[in-house]
């Protein structure tokens, strides 16, 4: 995959069920308040460790508040060598509305 792709919450749920990783780029306070079950917080402080310790061949979904900022982050991760990167359309807000039972605090 040369570029990231924007996906719906349904597509994201299917990818997660198949083993995709999820990173949440919202601020740490928002992440700790609630996030997609199994997601990892990704920010400027931990991005280098994340890249050094991640399987770049594994599908990766990027989540933000509303699906805008995640597009830039997804493009960055593709440029860093991740093979299969997705941006979640509607962000965490859409996910929480579609799958409230798949969120954790």
Protein backbone atom coordinates (compact mmCIF):
# COMPACT_ATOMS: atom_id res chain seq x y z
CA UNK A 1 0.00 0.00 0.00
CA UNK A 2 1.67 3.22 -1.15
CA UNK A 3 -0.85 5.43 0.63
CA UNK A 4 -3.20 5.17 3.57
CA UNK A 5 -6.90 4.58 3.03
CA UNK A 6 -9.84 6.07 4.93
CA UNK A 7 -12.19 3.42 6.28
CA UNK A 8 -15.56 3.28 8.00
CA UNK A 9 -16.13 2.07 11.53
CA UNK A 10 -17.50 -1.19 10.13
CA UNK A 11 -14.37 -1.79 8.05
CA UNK A 12 -12.22 -0.90 11.06
CA UNK A 13 -14.09 -3.35 13.29
CA UNK A 14 -13.54 -6.11 10.73
CA UNK A 15 -9.82 -5.32 10.50
CA UNK A 16 -9.49 -5.24 14.30
CA UNK A 17 -11.23 -8.62 14.48
CA UNK A 18 -8.62 -9.88 12.01
CA UNK A 19 -5.75 -8.63 14.19
CA UNK A 20 -5.06 -5.06 13.05
CA UNK A 21 -3.37 -2.72 15.52
CA UNK A 22 -5.00 0.57 16.51
CA UNK A 23 -3.23 3.77 17.52
CA UNK A 24 -5.05 6.75 18.98
CA UNK A 25 -3.43 10.13 18.41
CA UNK A 26 -5.77 12.16 20.60
CA UNK A 27 -4.30 13.89 23.63
CA UNK A 28 -3.44 11.55 26.53
CA UNK A 29 -6.30 12.82 28.73
CA UNK A 30 -8.88 12.01 26.04
CA UNK A 31 -7.27 8.62 25.41
CA UNK A 32 -7.34 7.69 29.10
CA UNK A 33 -10.95 8.86 29.43
CA UNK A 34 -12.02 6.34 26.76
CA UNK A 35 -10.57 4.69 23.67
CA UNK A 36 -11.05 1.79 21.28
CA UNK A 37 -10.48 -1.46 23.14
CA UNK A 38 -6.87 -2.51 22.65
CA UNK A 39 -5.73 0.80 21.14
CA UNK A 40 -2.40 2.32 22.04
CA UNK A 41 -1.86 6.02 22.61
CA UNK A 42 0.54 7.49 20.05
CA UNK A 43 2.01 10.95 20.50
CA UNK A 44 5.18 12.92 19.87
CA UNK A 45 6.76 11.55 23.05
CA UNK A 46 6.45 7.86 22.10
CA UNK A 47 6.35 7.79 18.29
CA UNK A 48 10.00 6.74 17.92
CA UNK A 49 9.60 3.86 20.39
CA UNK A 50 6.38 2.85 18.66
CA UNK A 51 8.04 2.71 15.26
CA UNK A 52 11.07 0.83 16.60
CA UNK A 53 8.90 -1.82 18.27
CA UNK A 54 6.07 -2.26 15.75
CA UNK A 55 5.46 -4.82 13.06
CA UNK A 56 5.38 -2.58 9.99
CA UNK A 57 3.75 -5.35 7.94
CA UNK A 58 0.71 -5.58 10.21
CA UNK A 59 -2.41 -3.53 9.36
CA UNK A 60 -2.55 -0.32 11.39
CA UNK A 61 -5.61 1.86 12.03
CA UNK A 62 -5.08 5.47 13.11
CA UNK A 63 -7.79 7.13 15.18
CA UNK A 64 -8.22 10.77 16.23
CA UNK A 65 -11.20 12.83 17.40
CA UNK A 66 -13.17 13.18 14.16
CA UNK A 67 -11.07 11.56 11.41
CA UNK A 68 -9.16 14.62 10.19
CA UNK A 69 -5.84 14.58 12.06
CA UNK A 70 -5.56 10.83 11.65
CA UNK A 71 -5.14 11.31 7.90
CA UNK A 72 -1.90 13.28 8.37
CA UNK A 73 -0.65 10.76 10.92
CA UNK A 74 -1.52 7.87 8.60
CA UNK A 75 0.40 9.52 5.74
CA UNK A 76 3.38 10.01 8.06
CA UNK A 77 3.33 6.34 9.10
CA UNK A 78 3.16 5.19 5.47
CA UNK A 79 6.19 7.38 4.75
CA UNK A 80 7.98 5.76 7.71
CA UNK A 81 7.57 2.32 6.14
CA UNK A 82 4.30 0.91 7.47
CA UNK A 83 2.76 -1.22 4.73
CA UNK A 84 -0.97 -1.11 5.44
CA UNK A 85 -2.28 2.02 7.17
CA UNK A 86 -5.87 3.18 7.56
CA UNK A 87 -7.45 6.37 8.88
CA UNK A 88 -10.72 5.93 10.76
CA UNK A 89 -13.46 8.06 9.16
CA UNK A 90 -15.30 10.00 11.86
CA UNK A 91 -12.59 9.22 14.41
CA UNK A 92 -13.25 8.07 17.94
CA UNK A 93 -16.57 9.94 18.02
CA UNK A 94 -17.95 7.78 15.21
CA UNK A 95 -16.46 4.62 16.73
CA UNK A 96 -17.96 5.34 20.15
CA UNK A 97 -21.39 5.92 18.59
CA UNK A 98 -21.19 2.73 16.50
CA UNK A 99 -19.48 0.44 19.03
CA UNK A 100 -19.91 1.72 22.60
CA UNK A 101 -19.32 -1.81 23.86
CA UNK A 102 -15.88 -1.86 22.18
CA UNK A 103 -14.48 1.09 24.15
CA UNK A 104 -12.47 1.00 27.34
CA UNK A 105 -11.27 3.43 29.97
